[in-house]
Protein backbone atom coordinates (compact mmCIF):
# COMPACT_ATOMS: atom_id res chain seq x y z
CA MET A 1 -66.83 95.47 -15.50
CA THR A 2 -68.52 97.20 -18.13
CA ALA A 3 -71.38 98.33 -15.95
CA LYS A 4 -71.71 98.17 -12.23
CA CYS A 5 -75.18 97.35 -10.47
CA GLU A 6 -76.08 96.33 -6.57
CA ALA A 7 -79.48 94.58 -7.71
CA GLU A 8 -79.19 90.83 -7.31
CA ALA A 9 -79.89 89.36 -10.71
CA ARG A 10 -82.73 87.00 -9.86
CA PRO A 11 -83.64 88.16 -6.43
CA GLY A 12 -84.96 85.35 -4.55
CA TYR A 13 -82.80 82.61 -6.62
CA LYS A 14 -79.34 81.89 -6.16
CA SER A 15 -77.77 84.66 -8.52
CA LYS A 16 -75.30 87.09 -7.96
CA LYS A 17 -75.52 90.87 -8.56
CA ALA A 18 -76.26 92.23 -11.89
CA HIS A 19 -72.60 93.58 -12.51
CA GLU A 20 -71.89 93.32 -15.77
CA PHE A 21 -68.28 92.42 -17.45
CA GLN A 22 -66.39 91.90 -20.49
CA GLU A 23 -63.25 90.11 -21.78
CA VAL A 24 -60.53 92.63 -23.12
CA PRO A 25 -59.76 91.85 -26.33
CA GLU A 26 -57.04 89.44 -26.39
CA VAL A 27 -58.14 87.24 -23.41
CA PHE A 28 -61.64 87.20 -25.68
CA GLU A 29 -59.43 85.65 -28.68
CA SER A 30 -57.75 83.78 -26.82
CA LYS A 31 -61.20 82.32 -25.43
CA ILE A 32 -62.48 82.02 -28.46
CA LYS A 33 -59.93 79.87 -29.97
CA LEU A 34 -59.59 77.50 -26.24
CA LEU A 35 -64.02 77.10 -26.76
CA ALA A 36 -63.38 76.24 -30.60
CA GLY A 37 -60.99 73.65 -29.53
CA LEU A 38 -63.19 72.03 -26.85
CA ILE A 39 -65.94 71.70 -29.80
CA ARG A 40 -63.80 70.12 -32.13
CA LYS A 41 -62.54 67.28 -28.81
CA SER A 42 -66.57 66.82 -27.95
CA SER A 43 -68.58 64.16 -29.30
CA ARG A 44 -72.22 64.66 -27.42
CA MET A 45 -71.96 68.66 -26.77
CA ILE A 46 -75.39 70.36 -25.95
CA ALA A 47 -76.34 73.91 -25.65
CA TYR A 48 -78.70 74.83 -22.62
CA THR A 49 -80.03 78.57 -23.08
CA GLY A 50 -81.72 81.05 -21.27
CA ALA A 51 -83.10 84.46 -21.77
CA GLY A 52 -79.80 86.69 -22.92
CA ILE A 53 -79.78 84.58 -26.05
CA SER A 54 -82.87 86.35 -26.69
CA THR A 55 -82.60 89.64 -26.09
CA ALA A 56 -81.54 90.77 -29.14
CA ALA A 57 -84.16 89.63 -31.17
CA GLY A 58 -86.49 92.12 -28.67
CA ILE A 59 -87.31 89.59 -26.14
CA GLY A 60 -86.50 90.49 -22.16
CA ASP A 61 -85.03 89.10 -19.79
CA TYR A 62 -85.28 88.98 -16.12
CA ALA A 63 -81.92 89.41 -14.77
CA SER A 64 -79.87 92.79 -16.87
CA LYS A 65 -80.90 95.38 -14.35
CA ALA A 66 -78.01 97.91 -14.89
CA ALA A 67 -78.97 101.59 -15.95
CA ASP A 68 -76.32 101.39 -18.82
CA SER A 69 -76.70 97.08 -19.53
CA ALA A 70 -74.63 96.66 -22.55
CA ILE A 71 -78.31 94.58 -23.53
CA SER A 72 -80.69 97.62 -23.21
CA THR A 73 -81.18 98.35 -26.90
CA ARG A 74 -84.02 95.91 -28.09
CA PRO A 75 -85.86 95.94 -31.36
CA LYS A 76 -89.56 96.80 -30.13
CA LEU A 77 -91.60 94.07 -31.49
CA LYS A 78 -95.70 94.28 -31.71
CA SER A 79 -95.86 91.05 -30.85
CA MET A 80 -93.08 88.78 -29.66
CA LEU A 81 -95.10 85.91 -31.23
CA ASP A 82 -93.36 88.10 -34.57
CA ALA A 83 -89.82 87.80 -32.95
CA GLU A 84 -87.01 86.92 -35.78
CA PRO A 85 -83.77 84.40 -34.82
CA THR A 86 -80.28 86.55 -33.45
CA LEU A 87 -77.13 85.51 -34.96
CA ALA A 88 -76.72 83.43 -31.66
CA HIS A 89 -79.66 81.04 -32.85
CA ARG A 90 -78.33 80.70 -35.97
CA VAL A 91 -74.88 79.85 -35.04
CA LEU A 92 -76.09 77.32 -32.91
CA VAL A 93 -78.33 75.98 -35.99
CA SER A 94 -74.92 76.18 -38.17
CA LEU A 95 -73.12 74.07 -35.25
CA TYR A 96 -76.29 71.68 -35.20
CA ARG A 97 -75.54 71.19 -39.46
CA ALA A 98 -71.90 70.73 -39.19
CA GLY A 99 -72.24 67.92 -36.48
CA TYR A 100 -71.22 69.33 -33.14
CA LEU A 101 -74.23 70.29 -31.25
CA LYS A 102 -76.20 66.97 -30.99
CA HIS A 103 -78.60 68.97 -28.49
CA TRP A 104 -80.22 71.34 -27.15
CA VAL A 105 -82.09 72.58 -23.96
CA GLN A 106 -83.42 75.30 -24.45
CA GLN A 107 -85.61 76.93 -21.15
CA ASN A 108 -87.29 80.22 -23.49
CA HIS A 109 -90.57 79.63 -24.67
CA ASP A 110 -90.28 81.85 -28.12
CA GLY A 111 -89.40 79.33 -30.87
CA LEU A 112 -86.01 81.36 -32.62
CA PRO A 113 -84.46 78.17 -32.23
CA GLN A 114 -86.96 76.68 -35.03
CA LYS A 115 -87.58 79.97 -36.55
CA ALA A 116 -83.60 79.39 -37.20
CA GLY A 117 -83.81 76.28 -38.75
CA PHE A 118 -83.00 74.08 -35.92
CA PRO A 119 -85.35 70.50 -35.99
CA GLN A 120 -88.29 70.14 -32.93
CA HIS A 121 -86.98 66.69 -32.21
CA ALA A 122 -83.77 68.00 -31.20
CA LEU A 123 -85.43 70.57 -29.01
CA ASN A 124 -85.99 70.08 -25.48
CA GLU A 125 -87.69 73.33 -24.48
CA ILE A 126 -88.34 72.48 -21.19
CA HIS A 127 -90.01 75.41 -19.18
CA GLY A 128 -92.71 75.27 -22.30
CA ALA A 129 -93.26 77.00 -25.59
CA TRP A 130 -95.13 79.56 -27.58
CA PHE A 131 -95.53 77.08 -30.29
CA ASP A 132 -96.87 74.01 -29.24
CA PRO A 133 -100.15 73.69 -27.70
CA SER A 134 -99.01 70.70 -25.74
CA ASN A 135 -96.30 72.39 -23.72
CA PRO A 136 -97.96 75.29 -22.23
CA VAL A 137 -95.39 77.53 -20.32
CA VAL A 138 -94.66 75.97 -16.69
CA PRO A 139 -95.28 78.70 -14.23
CA MET A 140 -92.53 79.67 -11.73
CA SER A 141 -94.14 77.31 -8.88
CA GLY A 142 -95.18 74.67 -11.47
CA VAL A 143 -93.97 70.85 -12.51
CA LEU A 144 -91.92 70.02 -15.83
CA ARG A 145 -93.48 67.83 -18.00
CA SER A 146 -92.13 64.29 -17.12
CA ASP A 147 -91.30 63.34 -20.37
CA LEU A 148 -89.29 66.36 -21.35
CA PHE A 149 -87.64 65.93 -18.06
CA GLN A 150 -86.88 62.54 -18.58
CA TRP A 151 -85.18 63.40 -22.04
CA MET A 152 -83.58 66.33 -20.19
CA LEU A 153 -82.17 63.64 -17.66
CA ASP A 154 -80.83 61.69 -20.05
CA TRP A 155 -79.10 64.10 -22.23
CA GLU A 156 -77.32 65.64 -18.42
CA GLN A 157 -75.95 61.86 -17.85
CA LYS A 158 -74.51 61.38 -21.92
CA THR A 159 -72.72 64.50 -22.83
CA ASP A 160 -69.59 65.74 -22.44
CA LEU A 161 -69.61 69.37 -23.21
CA VAL A 162 -72.36 72.07 -22.21
CA LEU A 163 -72.36 75.38 -23.79
CA ALA A 164 -74.52 77.20 -21.49
CA MET A 165 -75.02 80.57 -22.97
CA GLY A 166 -77.81 83.47 -21.58
CA SER A 167 -78.79 82.18 -18.64
CA SER A 168 -78.06 83.63 -14.97
CA LEU A 169 -77.84 79.67 -13.87
CA CYS A 170 -80.07 80.61 -10.92
CA GLY A 171 -80.43 77.66 -9.48
CA MET A 172 -83.35 76.07 -11.51
CA ASN A 173 -84.06 72.40 -11.57
CA ALA A 174 -83.01 72.36 -15.83
CA ASP A 175 -79.88 74.12 -14.58
CA ARG A 176 -78.47 70.47 -13.60
CA VAL A 177 -77.43 69.63 -16.68
CA THR A 178 -74.64 72.38 -16.78
CA THR A 179 -73.65 71.29 -13.09
CA THR A 180 -73.62 67.66 -13.34
CA CYS A 181 -70.76 67.71 -16.54
CA ALA A 182 -68.73 70.92 -14.89
CA LYS A 183 -69.10 68.33 -11.71
CA LYS A 184 -67.85 65.07 -14.11
CA SER A 185 -65.18 67.09 -15.58
CA LEU A 186 -63.94 68.09 -12.70
CA LYS A 187 -63.62 64.46 -11.02
CA LYS A 188 -62.43 63.55 -14.87
CA LYS A 189 -65.32 60.81 -15.16
CA ASP A 190 -67.21 59.55 -17.79
CA GLY A 191 -65.21 61.81 -20.92
CA ALA A 192 -66.84 64.51 -19.82
CA ILE A 193 -65.18 67.88 -20.85
CA GLY A 194 -67.48 70.08 -19.13
CA THR A 195 -69.16 73.25 -19.12
CA VAL A 196 -68.93 76.59 -20.88
CA ILE A 197 -70.46 79.57 -19.51
CA VAL A 198 -70.97 82.55 -21.51
CA SER A 199 -72.87 85.51 -20.55
CA LEU A 200 -72.32 89.36 -19.25
CA GLN A 201 -73.12 88.97 -15.62
CA GLN A 202 -71.49 86.34 -12.92
CA THR A 203 -73.22 83.04 -11.80
CA GLN A 204 -73.05 80.92 -9.10
CA LEU A 205 -71.07 78.09 -11.56
CA ASP A 206 -68.52 80.08 -12.57
CA ASP A 207 -66.29 78.35 -10.50
CA VAL A 208 -66.44 75.00 -11.73
CA SER A 209 -66.94 76.17 -15.23
CA CYS A 210 -64.17 74.85 -17.68
CA LEU A 211 -64.45 78.01 -19.58
CA ARG A 212 -65.77 80.88 -18.72
CA ILE A 213 -66.32 83.83 -21.21
CA PHE A 214 -67.46 87.65 -20.17
CA ALA A 215 -69.46 88.92 -23.18
CA LYS A 216 -72.41 89.13 -24.99
CA VAL A 217 -73.75 85.56 -26.72
CA ASP A 218 -73.58 87.34 -30.05
CA ASP A 219 -70.23 88.41 -30.01
CA VAL A 220 -69.16 85.30 -28.99
CA MET A 221 -71.12 83.48 -31.69
CA ALA A 222 -69.62 85.68 -34.02
CA ALA A 223 -65.80 84.83 -33.40
CA LEU A 224 -66.87 81.33 -33.18
CA VAL A 225 -68.01 81.50 -36.95
CA ARG A 226 -64.96 82.76 -38.10
CA GLU A 227 -62.52 80.11 -36.20
CA LEU A 228 -64.81 77.27 -37.08
CA GLU A 229 -65.78 78.56 -40.41
CA LEU A 230 -69.06 77.72 -40.17
CA ASP A 231 -71.53 78.47 -42.78
CA VAL A 232 -74.27 80.29 -41.28
CA ALA A 233 -76.12 81.49 -44.88
CA ALA A 234 -77.94 78.64 -44.52
CA ALA A 235 -79.43 79.01 -41.37
CA GLY A 236 -82.00 81.66 -40.32
CA THR A 237 -84.53 80.28 -42.49
CA PRO A 238 -86.87 77.45 -40.67
CA LEU A 239 -86.58 74.29 -42.65
CA SER A 240 -88.85 74.49 -45.82
CA ILE A 241 -92.10 73.23 -45.36
CA PRO A 242 -93.65 70.06 -47.11
CA LYS A 243 -95.70 70.32 -50.15
CA SER A 244 -99.09 69.53 -49.11
CA ILE A 245 -101.89 67.46 -50.96
CA GLU A 246 -104.13 70.88 -50.77
CA GLU A 247 -103.64 74.21 -49.12
CA ASP A 248 -102.93 73.09 -45.30
CA VAL A 249 -103.50 69.22 -45.32
CA PHE A 250 -100.28 67.24 -45.18
CA GLU A 251 -99.93 63.44 -44.70
CA ILE A 252 -98.29 61.83 -42.29
CA PRO A 253 -96.93 58.27 -41.24
CA TYR A 254 -98.34 58.89 -37.95
CA ASP A 255 -101.97 57.10 -36.75
CA LYS A 256 -104.39 58.84 -34.19
CA GLU A 257 -103.13 59.01 -31.32
CA GLY A 258 -99.37 60.55 -32.60
CA LYS A 259 -97.70 57.21 -32.73
CA LEU A 260 -95.57 56.55 -35.93
CA SER A 261 -97.82 54.24 -37.84
CA GLU A 262 -96.95 52.22 -41.63
CA GLU A 263 -100.48 53.61 -42.81
CA LYS A 264 -100.28 57.50 -43.23
CA SER A 265 -102.97 59.83 -42.04
CA ILE A 266 -103.64 63.27 -42.96
CA LEU A 267 -102.91 66.65 -40.75
CA ASP A 268 -105.58 68.91 -41.93
CA LEU A 269 -105.60 72.24 -40.46
CA ARG A 270 -107.54 74.66 -43.00
CA GLU A 271 -109.46 76.92 -41.05
CA GLY A 272 -112.34 75.43 -39.39
CA ALA A 273 -110.53 71.84 -38.53
CA ARG A 274 -110.69 70.48 -35.18
CA VAL A 275 -108.16 68.93 -33.77
CA LYS A 276 -106.24 67.37 -30.12
CA ILE A 277 -103.68 67.58 -28.20
CA LEU A 278 -102.62 64.09 -27.50
CA CYS A 279 -100.14 64.93 -24.64
CA GLY A 280 -99.09 67.20 -21.71
CA PRO A 281 -100.99 68.91 -19.25
CA TYR A 282 -104.10 69.33 -21.71
CA ALA A 283 -104.10 65.96 -22.99
CA GLY A 284 -107.49 64.97 -25.08
CA ASP A 285 -108.31 68.79 -25.14
CA THR A 286 -109.63 69.96 -28.58
CA GLY A 287 -109.68 73.18 -30.48
CA VAL A 288 -110.72 74.53 -33.86
CA VAL A 289 -108.01 75.97 -36.50
CA THR A 290 -109.23 79.72 -36.51
CA GLY A 291 -106.30 80.92 -39.05
CA LYS A 292 -102.73 80.88 -40.13
CA THR A 293 -99.85 84.02 -39.46
CA GLU A 294 -98.01 82.72 -42.96
CA GLY A 295 -94.40 80.97 -42.53
CA LYS A 296 -95.16 81.68 -38.72
CA PHE A 297 -97.55 79.10 -36.93
CA TYR A 298 -101.13 78.23 -37.34
CA SER A 299 -103.66 79.70 -34.84
CA ILE A 300 -105.76 77.45 -32.92
CA ARG A 301 -108.71 78.28 -30.41
CA PHE A 302 -108.59 75.10 -27.94
CA MET A 303 -110.71 74.73 -24.95
CA HIS A 304 -108.70 74.37 -21.54
CA LEU A 305 -110.10 74.10 -17.78
CA ASN A 306 -109.67 77.59 -16.43
CA THR A 307 -107.66 78.42 -13.20
CA HIS A 308 -110.22 76.77 -10.54
CA GLY A 309 -110.44 73.93 -13.00
CA LYS A 310 -114.23 73.51 -12.59
CA ARG A 311 -115.39 74.94 -16.18
CA LYS A 312 -113.10 74.96 -19.86
CA VAL A 313 -112.85 77.74 -21.27
CA PRO A 314 -112.01 79.07 -24.78
CA ILE A 315 -107.97 79.51 -25.32
CA LYS A 316 -106.03 80.52 -28.18
CA ARG A 317 -102.62 78.91 -28.81
CA ALA A 318 -100.35 78.72 -31.90
CA PHE A 319 -98.99 76.14 -33.54
CA GLY A 320 -95.63 76.25 -35.34
CA VAL A 321 -95.70 75.62 -39.22
CA TRP A 322 -91.85 74.24 -38.59
CA MET A 323 -93.20 71.07 -37.11
CA ILE A 324 -94.79 70.02 -39.95
CA ARG A 325 -91.71 68.93 -41.68
CA ASP A 326 -90.86 66.84 -38.66
CA ALA A 327 -94.52 65.65 -38.57
CA VAL A 328 -93.68 64.26 -42.72
CA ASP A 329 -90.49 63.27 -41.99
CA GLY A 330 -91.68 61.05 -39.33
CA LEU A 331 -88.82 62.61 -36.75
CA GLY A 332 -91.92 63.38 -34.05
CA PHE A 333 -91.53 66.28 -31.88
CA TYR A 334 -90.31 64.35 -28.82
CA PRO A 335 -87.67 61.61 -28.07
CA ASP A 336 -89.86 58.72 -29.03
CA GLY A 337 -90.82 59.75 -32.23
CA SER A 338 -94.32 61.14 -31.69
CA ILE A 339 -96.42 63.59 -32.47
CA SER A 340 -98.50 66.23 -30.13
CA LEU A 341 -101.57 66.89 -32.51
CA VAL A 342 -103.65 65.01 -34.89
CA ASN A 343 -107.14 65.49 -36.21
CA CYS A 344 -110.88 64.96 -33.92
CA GLY A 345 -112.08 61.81 -35.09
CA PRO A 346 -115.81 60.77 -35.36
CA ASP A 347 -115.89 59.79 -31.27
CA ASP A 348 -114.45 62.61 -29.76
CA PRO A 349 -116.58 65.09 -27.88
CA ARG A 350 -117.40 68.17 -29.54
CA ASP A 351 -116.75 71.53 -27.13
CA ASP A 352 -119.21 74.26 -26.99
CA TYR A 353 -117.35 77.41 -27.10
CA ASP A 354 -118.04 80.23 -24.67
CA GLU A 355 -117.10 83.55 -26.40
CA SER A 356 -117.91 86.00 -23.52
CA SER A 357 -114.93 84.00 -21.37
CA TYR A 358 -112.34 84.08 -24.56
CA THR A 359 -109.09 84.42 -23.01
CA VAL A 360 -105.18 84.55 -25.20
CA GLY A 361 -103.02 82.33 -23.76
């Protein structure tokens, strides 16, 4: 035990006390070798990550409560949208590019996997995303988006190894991907290898994991780079943005419904361009591009129903520049290959913007 804390890590959920633990050096090295062996053996590994993977980037978590927590020092950010990927994000990208990691279920909303170069079409942002207007952050009492939930269920059944990192695993619905694989492994079913858990705190699933590593996520990832001889140098930067027809105007193989098409269309993201959301809880809502943060995201002002559902108000959202690459390449953002954003057509209604009720969300 490296930090003692009698408070519950996640009050109201199935969590443990917020004590923190770290492996002694010789045990840590032995467990890294075991982890590398499991990864080499796996053919359908997925990552399942929580807030603990992003704390080193300056984004806070919920469960670290100890006064002398190992992750108490964090960078100061003017905006969480400006956060940069951690070593862990870059190593997971390296695992994907090396063919070890097949899919990533992300509890966080921060876009750091994509900023590190992970493709959108292989990432399930199950709890919502800051950089996908069609996938707003899901409230704690909210409902998961049905297509993303089904995507998660599909991988829950076919994965053979789950690498769970930085999550308190306190009983949220998405935690099922870890429990299912762990239980299959214990029953020696479907070739399941099991679930590996990496975090500083104890979790309710420690006893069913096939390997439990108490350590900071970045420390584990750094050791894994050495053990698997991964190339991390190529990670850490987003996939290059494709050449545009002109500034912020792209040719994409999609129709106006966001479906793959042999006939290409134009995605115009210049300031003032009108766009429409095609899926998710805000399907059909329209917006206007208001600017771009170079190399990071476009700002779009949408009209969404307010919390009372009585009238539409303007809300500013971000659209990650990395999503353009998957659109241009015809890979889409979701398992069916579709995209979530297109330009408005002449028949789409034009919303009136009430600037007096403008909010940022």
